[in-house]
Amino acid sequence: MLLLLSQQESYAQMAAAKKVNWDVEHKVSLNATSGYVWNIIKDDKLSTKASNGFVKSITIDDATMPIDRTVYFADGTKRGERVTQMEDQHKLMVIHVAKESLDPGIDDLEIAIFNQANDADTVTELTWRILIKGDKEAKEKAKAKILTELKQYELGIQKMVPSKSIPAMRMQ
């Protein structure tokens, strides 16, 4: 009887789920294992290298979940963030930008970062999805700003991935 109640409850939750229409989706394919890529993403100490210098540093303001942190950018600006999900088993991180860090006209900005590997775990697809709530003009500016940041992360992370070795030819 308990099992039947659990199944009905799960079904009800799934029926209530809404499809999210992301404003930005940015993907990069990397010649590395999913674990290697995930360790780069979740390590705040690697943020400068991973962002190709775009991010100067990330400080943790409160290490208990949800994790409050401040991102300091190379241009002198900063952004408050709250990490609301950090799931090692799914290689997923969800970040909400703090209200005081949102640009005028933006009501909410959520960043989801995750990665998936091919069956052999030799190639990993790293994905950023961004949901922006606000007026149309402000959203377009926010999209451009976040894409600039993501492109720098793409460059930085690609530099951190070990290049494939080329097998030496056998001399006869």
C-alpha atoms as a PDB file:
ATOM      1  CA  MET A   1       0.000   0.000   0.000  1.00  0.00           C
ATOM      2  CA  LEU A   2       2.812   2.404   0.855  1.00  0.00           C
ATOM      3  CA  LEU A   3       4.441   1.750  -2.509  1.00  0.00           C
ATOM      4  CA  LEU A   4       1.246   2.654  -4.345  1.00  0.00           C
ATOM      5  CA  LEU A   5       0.973   5.954  -2.482  1.00  0.00           C
ATOM      6  CA  SER A   6       4.577   6.811  -3.324  1.00  0.00           C
ATOM      7  CA  GLN A   7       4.030   6.136  -7.013  1.00  0.00           C
ATOM      8  CA  GLN A   8       0.921   8.296  -7.133  1.00  0.00           C
ATOM      9  CA  GLU A   9       2.695  11.149  -5.382  1.00  0.00           C
ATOM     10  CA  SER A  10       5.641  11.019  -7.812  1.00  0.00           C
ATOM     11  CA  TYR A  11       3.285  10.976 -10.755  1.00  0.00           C
ATOM     12  CA  ALA A  12       1.522  14.063  -9.453  1.00  0.00           C
ATOM     13  CA  GLN A  13       4.833  15.881  -9.095  1.00  0.00           C
ATOM     14  CA  MET A  14       5.908  14.960 -12.613  1.00  0.00           C
ATOM     15  CA  ALA A  15       2.598  16.103 -14.073  1.00  0.00           C
ATOM     16  CA  ALA A  16       3.078  19.500 -12.427  1.00  0.00           C
ATOM     17  CA  ALA A  17       6.579  20.000 -13.878  1.00  0.00           C
ATOM     18  CA  LYS A  18       6.953  22.864 -16.326  1.00  0.00           C
ATOM     19  CA  LYS A  19       9.193  22.953 -19.376  1.00  0.00           C
ATOM     20  CA  VAL A  20      11.874  25.600 -19.015  1.00  0.00           C
ATOM     21  CA  ASN A  21      12.608  27.784 -22.037  1.00  0.00           C
ATOM     22  CA  TRP A  22      16.221  28.813 -21.526  1.00  0.00           C
ATOM     23  CA  ASP A  23      17.291  32.214 -22.838  1.00  0.00           C
ATOM     24  CA  VAL A  24      20.871  31.103 -23.460  1.00  0.00           C
ATOM     25  CA  GLU A  25      22.325  27.658 -24.082  1.00  0.00           C
ATOM     26  CA  HIS A  26      26.067  27.409 -24.650  1.00  0.00           C
ATOM     27  CA  LYS A  27      27.847  24.079 -25.226  1.00  0.00           C
ATOM     28  CA  VAL A  28      31.443  23.063 -25.700  1.00  0.00           C
ATOM     29  CA  SER A  29      32.828  19.616 -26.470  1.00  0.00           C
ATOM     30  CA  LEU A  30      36.044  18.740 -24.616  1.00  0.00           C
ATOM     31  CA  ASN A  31      38.466  15.839 -25.046  1.00  0.00           C
ATOM     32  CA  ALA A  32      38.439  14.956 -21.345  1.00  0.00           C
ATOM     33  CA  THR A  33      36.560  12.790 -18.891  1.00  0.00           C
ATOM     34  CA  SER A  34      33.415  14.161 -17.297  1.00  0.00           C
ATOM     35  CA  GLY A  35      35.083  13.950 -13.872  1.00  0.00           C
ATOM     36  CA  TYR A  36      38.053  16.029 -15.033  1.00  0.00           C
ATOM     37  CA  VAL A  37      35.775  18.740 -16.447  1.00  0.00           C
ATOM     38  CA  TRP A  38      33.514  18.689 -13.382  1.00  0.00           C
ATOM     39  CA  ASN A  39      36.491  19.169 -11.039  1.00  0.00           C
ATOM     40  CA  ILE A  40      37.439  22.316 -12.972  1.00  0.00           C
ATOM     41  CA  ILE A  41      33.887  23.703 -12.840  1.00  0.00           C
ATOM     42  CA  LYS A  42      33.299  23.176  -9.133  1.00  0.00           C
ATOM     43  CA  ASP A  43      36.707  24.400  -7.894  1.00  0.00           C
ATOM     44  CA  ASP A  44      36.447  28.139  -7.187  1.00  0.00           C
ATOM     45  CA  LYS A  45      40.257  28.357  -6.891  1.00  0.00           C
ATOM     46  CA  LEU A  46      40.531  27.500 -10.593  1.00  0.00           C
ATOM     47  CA  SER A  47      38.119  30.269 -11.673  1.00  0.00           C
ATOM     48  CA  THR A  48      40.813  32.644 -12.996  1.00  0.00           C
ATOM     49  CA  LYS A  49      42.411  29.971 -15.160  1.00  0.00           C
ATOM     50  CA  ALA A  50      39.075  28.391 -16.155  1.00  0.00           C
ATOM     51  CA  SER A  51      37.666  31.781 -17.213  1.00  0.00           C
ATOM     52  CA  ASN A  52      40.754  32.722 -19.243  1.00  0.00           C
ATOM     53  CA  GLY A  53      41.397  35.581 -16.787  1.00  0.00           C
ATOM     54  CA  PHE A  54      37.865  37.013 -17.083  1.00  0.00           C
ATOM     55  CA  VAL A  55      37.210  36.192 -13.411  1.00  0.00           C
ATOM     56  CA  LYS A  56      39.808  37.450 -10.939  1.00  0.00           C
ATOM     57  CA  SER A  57      38.599  35.356  -7.996  1.00  0.00           C
ATOM     58  CA  ILE A  58      35.611  33.818  -6.237  1.00  0.00           C
ATOM     59  CA  THR A  59      35.213  34.110  -2.481  1.00  0.00           C
ATOM     60  CA  ILE A  60      32.853  31.988  -0.420  1.00  0.00           C
ATOM     61  CA  ASP A  61      30.744  34.144   1.889  1.00  0.00           C
ATOM     62  CA  ASP A  62      28.790  31.240   3.427  1.00  0.00           C
ATOM     63  CA  ALA A  63      29.897  27.663   2.733  1.00  0.00           C
ATOM     64  CA  THR A  64      26.687  25.962   3.888  1.00  0.00           C
ATOM     65  CA  MET A  65      24.116  25.088   1.221  1.00  0.00           C
ATOM     66  CA  PRO A  66      22.890  27.202  -0.366  1.00  0.00           C
ATOM     67  CA  ILE A  67      26.409  28.594  -0.825  1.00  0.00           C
ATOM     68  CA  ASP A  68      26.691  32.376  -1.012  1.00  0.00           C
ATOM     69  CA  ARG A  69      29.706  33.615  -2.923  1.00  0.00           C
ATOM     70  CA  THR A  70      31.088  36.722  -4.600  1.00  0.00           C
ATOM     71  CA  VAL A  71      32.649  36.656  -8.061  1.00  0.00           C
ATOM     72  CA  TYR A  72      35.280  39.352  -8.697  1.00  0.00           C
ATOM     73  CA  PHE A  73      35.900  40.132 -12.358  1.00  0.00           C
ATOM     74  CA  ALA A  74      39.139  41.345 -13.962  1.00  0.00           C
ATOM     75  CA  ASP A  75      37.436  44.638 -14.935  1.00  0.00           C
ATOM     76  CA  GLY A  76      36.896  45.486 -11.229  1.00  0.00           C
ATOM     77  CA  THR A  77      33.184  44.618 -11.050  1.00  0.00           C
ATOM     78  CA  LYS A  78      31.715  41.945  -8.801  1.00  0.00           C
ATOM     79  CA  ARG A  79      28.627  39.736  -8.703  1.00  0.00           C
ATOM     80  CA  GLY A  80      26.910  38.117  -5.737  1.00  0.00           C
ATOM     81  CA  GLU A  81      25.731  34.559  -6.334  1.00  0.00           C
ATOM     82  CA  ARG A  82      23.941  31.787  -4.483  1.00  0.00           C
ATOM     83  CA  VAL A  83      24.750  28.209  -5.464  1.00  0.00           C
ATOM     84  CA  THR A  84      21.432  26.455  -4.845  1.00  0.00           C
ATOM     85  CA  GLN A  85      22.376  23.030  -6.230  1.00  0.00           C
ATOM     86  CA  MET A  86      25.708  21.228  -6.364  1.00  0.00           C
ATOM     87  CA  GLU A  87      25.285  17.612  -7.383  1.00  0.00           C
ATOM     88  CA  ASP A  88      28.522  15.709  -7.917  1.00  0.00           C
ATOM     89  CA  GLN A  89      26.723  12.544  -9.030  1.00  0.00           C
ATOM     90  CA  HIS A  90      24.912  14.436 -11.816  1.00  0.00           C
ATOM     91  CA  LYS A  91      27.728  16.930 -12.423  1.00  0.00           C
ATOM     92  CA  LEU A  92      25.223  19.768 -12.041  1.00  0.00           C
ATOM     93  CA  MET A  93      25.488  23.212 -10.482  1.00  0.00           C
ATOM     94  CA  VAL A  94      22.687  25.784 -10.313  1.00  0.00           C
ATOM     95  CA  ILE A  95      23.487  29.405  -9.480  1.00  0.00           C
ATOM     96  CA  HIS A  96      21.143  32.331  -8.822  1.00  0.00           C
ATOM     97  CA  VAL A  97      22.570  35.826  -9.216  1.00  0.00           C
ATOM     98  CA  ALA A  98      21.888  37.966  -6.133  1.00  0.00           C
ATOM     99  CA  LYS A  99      19.190  40.639  -6.584  1.00  0.00           C
ATOM    100  CA  GLU A 100      21.650  43.448  -5.771  1.00  0.00           C
ATOM    101  CA  SER A 101      23.923  42.254  -8.611  1.00  0.00           C
ATOM    102  CA  LEU A 102      21.222  42.226 -11.292  1.00  0.00           C
ATOM    103  CA  ASP A 103      21.278  44.940 -13.934  1.00  0.00           C
ATOM    104  CA  PRO A 104      18.305  47.348 -14.088  1.00  0.00           C
ATOM    105  CA  GLY A 105      15.337  45.710 -15.813  1.00  0.00           C
ATOM    106  CA  ILE A 106      16.387  42.168 -14.800  1.00  0.00           C
ATOM    107  CA  ASP A 107      14.273  40.458 -12.134  1.00  0.00           C
ATOM    108  CA  ASP A 108      16.100  37.112 -11.937  1.00  0.00           C
ATOM    109  CA  LEU A 109      19.055  35.361 -13.550  1.00  0.00           C
ATOM    110  CA  GLU A 110      19.680  31.642 -13.082  1.00  0.00           C
ATOM    111  CA  ILE A 111      22.650  29.687 -14.418  1.00  0.00           C
ATOM    112  CA  ALA A 112      22.657  25.897 -14.755  1.00  0.00           C
ATOM    113  CA  ILE A 113      25.972  24.202 -15.535  1.00  0.00           C
ATOM    114  CA  PHE A 114      26.303  20.505 -16.227  1.00  0.00           C
ATOM    115  CA  ASN A 115      28.330  18.059 -18.247  1.00  0.00           C
ATOM    116  CA  GLN A 116      27.787  14.712 -19.926  1.00  0.00           C
ATOM    117  CA  ALA A 117      30.318  12.310 -21.367  1.00  0.00           C
ATOM    118  CA  ASN A 118      30.175   9.918 -24.277  1.00  0.00           C
ATOM    119  CA  ASP A 119      29.942   6.193 -23.489  1.00  0.00           C
ATOM    120  CA  ALA A 120      33.730   5.804 -23.279  1.00  0.00           C
ATOM    121  CA  ASP A 121      34.009   8.936 -21.046  1.00  0.00           C
ATOM    122  CA  THR A 122      36.652  10.393 -23.356  1.00  0.00           C
ATOM    123  CA  VAL A 123      34.662  13.356 -24.700  1.00  0.00           C
ATOM    124  CA  THR A 124      32.571  15.565 -22.437  1.00  0.00           C
ATOM    125  CA  GLU A 125      29.942  18.083 -23.456  1.00  0.00           C
ATOM    126  CA  LEU A 126      29.886  21.004 -21.031  1.00  0.00           C
ATOM    127  CA  THR A 127      26.620  22.956 -21.090  1.00  0.00           C
ATOM    128  CA  TRP A 128      25.580  26.282 -19.602  1.00  0.00           C
ATOM    129  CA  ARG A 129      21.894  27.180 -19.624  1.00  0.00           C
ATOM    130  CA  ILE A 130      20.758  30.616 -18.554  1.00  0.00           C
ATOM    131  CA  LEU A 131      17.263  31.738 -17.608  1.00  0.00           C
ATOM    132  CA  ILE A 132      16.750  35.497 -17.520  1.00  0.00           C
ATOM    133  CA  LYS A 133      13.583  37.200 -16.290  1.00  0.00           C
ATOM    134  CA  GLY A 134      13.075  40.865 -17.029  1.00  0.00           C
ATOM    135  CA  ASP A 135      12.153  43.350 -19.702  1.00  0.00           C
ATOM    136  CA  LYS A 136      13.098  42.590 -23.304  1.00  0.00           C
ATOM    137  CA  GLU A 137      15.825  45.223 -23.746  1.00  0.00           C
ATOM    138  CA  ALA A 138      17.497  44.390 -20.429  1.00  0.00           C
ATOM    139  CA  LYS A 139      17.383  40.664 -21.262  1.00  0.00           C
ATOM    140  CA  GLU A 140      19.194  41.245 -24.569  1.00  0.00           C
ATOM    141  CA  LYS A 141      21.946  43.185 -22.772  1.00  0.00           C
ATOM    142  CA  ALA A 142      22.199  40.480 -20.102  1.00  0.00           C
ATOM    143  CA  LYS A 143      22.442  37.759 -22.782  1.00  0.00           C
ATOM    144  CA  ALA A 144      25.304  39.573 -24.522  1.00  0.00           C
ATOM    145  CA  LYS A 145      27.105  40.095 -21.211  1.00  0.00           C
ATOM    146  CA  ILE A 146      26.757  36.468 -20.094  1.00  0.00           C
ATOM    147  CA  LEU A 147      27.796  35.127 -23.530  1.00  0.00           C
ATOM    148  CA  THR A 148      31.005  37.175 -23.313  1.00  0.00           C
ATOM    149  CA  GLU A 149      31.734  35.513 -19.965  1.00  0.00           C
ATOM    150  CA  LEU A 150      30.858  32.016 -21.227  1.00  0.00           C
ATOM    151  CA  LYS A 151      33.113  32.365 -24.272  1.00  0.00           C
ATOM    152  CA  GLN A 152      36.011  33.201 -21.948  1.00  0.00           C
ATOM    153  CA  TYR A 153      35.223  30.145 -19.823  1.00  0.00           C
ATOM    154  CA  GLU A 154      35.149  28.044 -22.981  1.00  0.00           C
ATOM    155  CA  LEU A 155      38.620  29.293 -23.990  1.00  0.00           C
ATOM    156  CA  GLY A 156      40.049  28.887 -20.497  1.00  0.00           C
ATOM    157  CA  ILE A 157      38.712  25.382 -19.934  1.00  0.00           C
ATOM    158  CA  GLN A 158      39.898  24.259 -23.372  1.00  0.00           C
ATOM    159  CA  LYS A 159      43.410  25.368 -22.374  1.00  0.00           C
ATOM    160  CA  MET A 160      43.147  23.317 -19.159  1.00  0.00           C
ATOM    161  CA  VAL A 161      42.211  20.105 -20.949  1.00  0.00           C
ATOM    162  CA  PRO A 162      45.295  18.010 -21.670  1.00  0.00           C
ATOM    163  CA  SER A 163      45.980  17.823 -25.369  1.00  0.00           C
ATOM    164  CA  LYS A 164      45.822  14.378 -26.886  1.00  0.00           C
ATOM    165  CA  SER A 165      49.161  12.738 -27.337  1.00  0.00           C
ATOM    166  CA  ILE A 166      50.082  11.668 -30.826  1.00  0.00           C
ATOM    167  CA  PRO A 167      51.456   8.137 -30.881  1.00  0.00           C
ATOM    168  CA  ALA A 168      55.080   7.992 -31.936  1.00  0.00           C
ATOM    169  CA  MET A 169      55.867   6.196 -35.175  1.00  0.00           C
ATOM    170  CA  ARG A 170      57.913   3.085 -34.876  1.00  0.00           C
ATOM    171  CA  MET A 171      61.259   3.326 -36.623  1.00  0.00           C
ATOM    172  CA  GLN A 172      62.415   0.286 -38.586  1.00  0.00           C
END
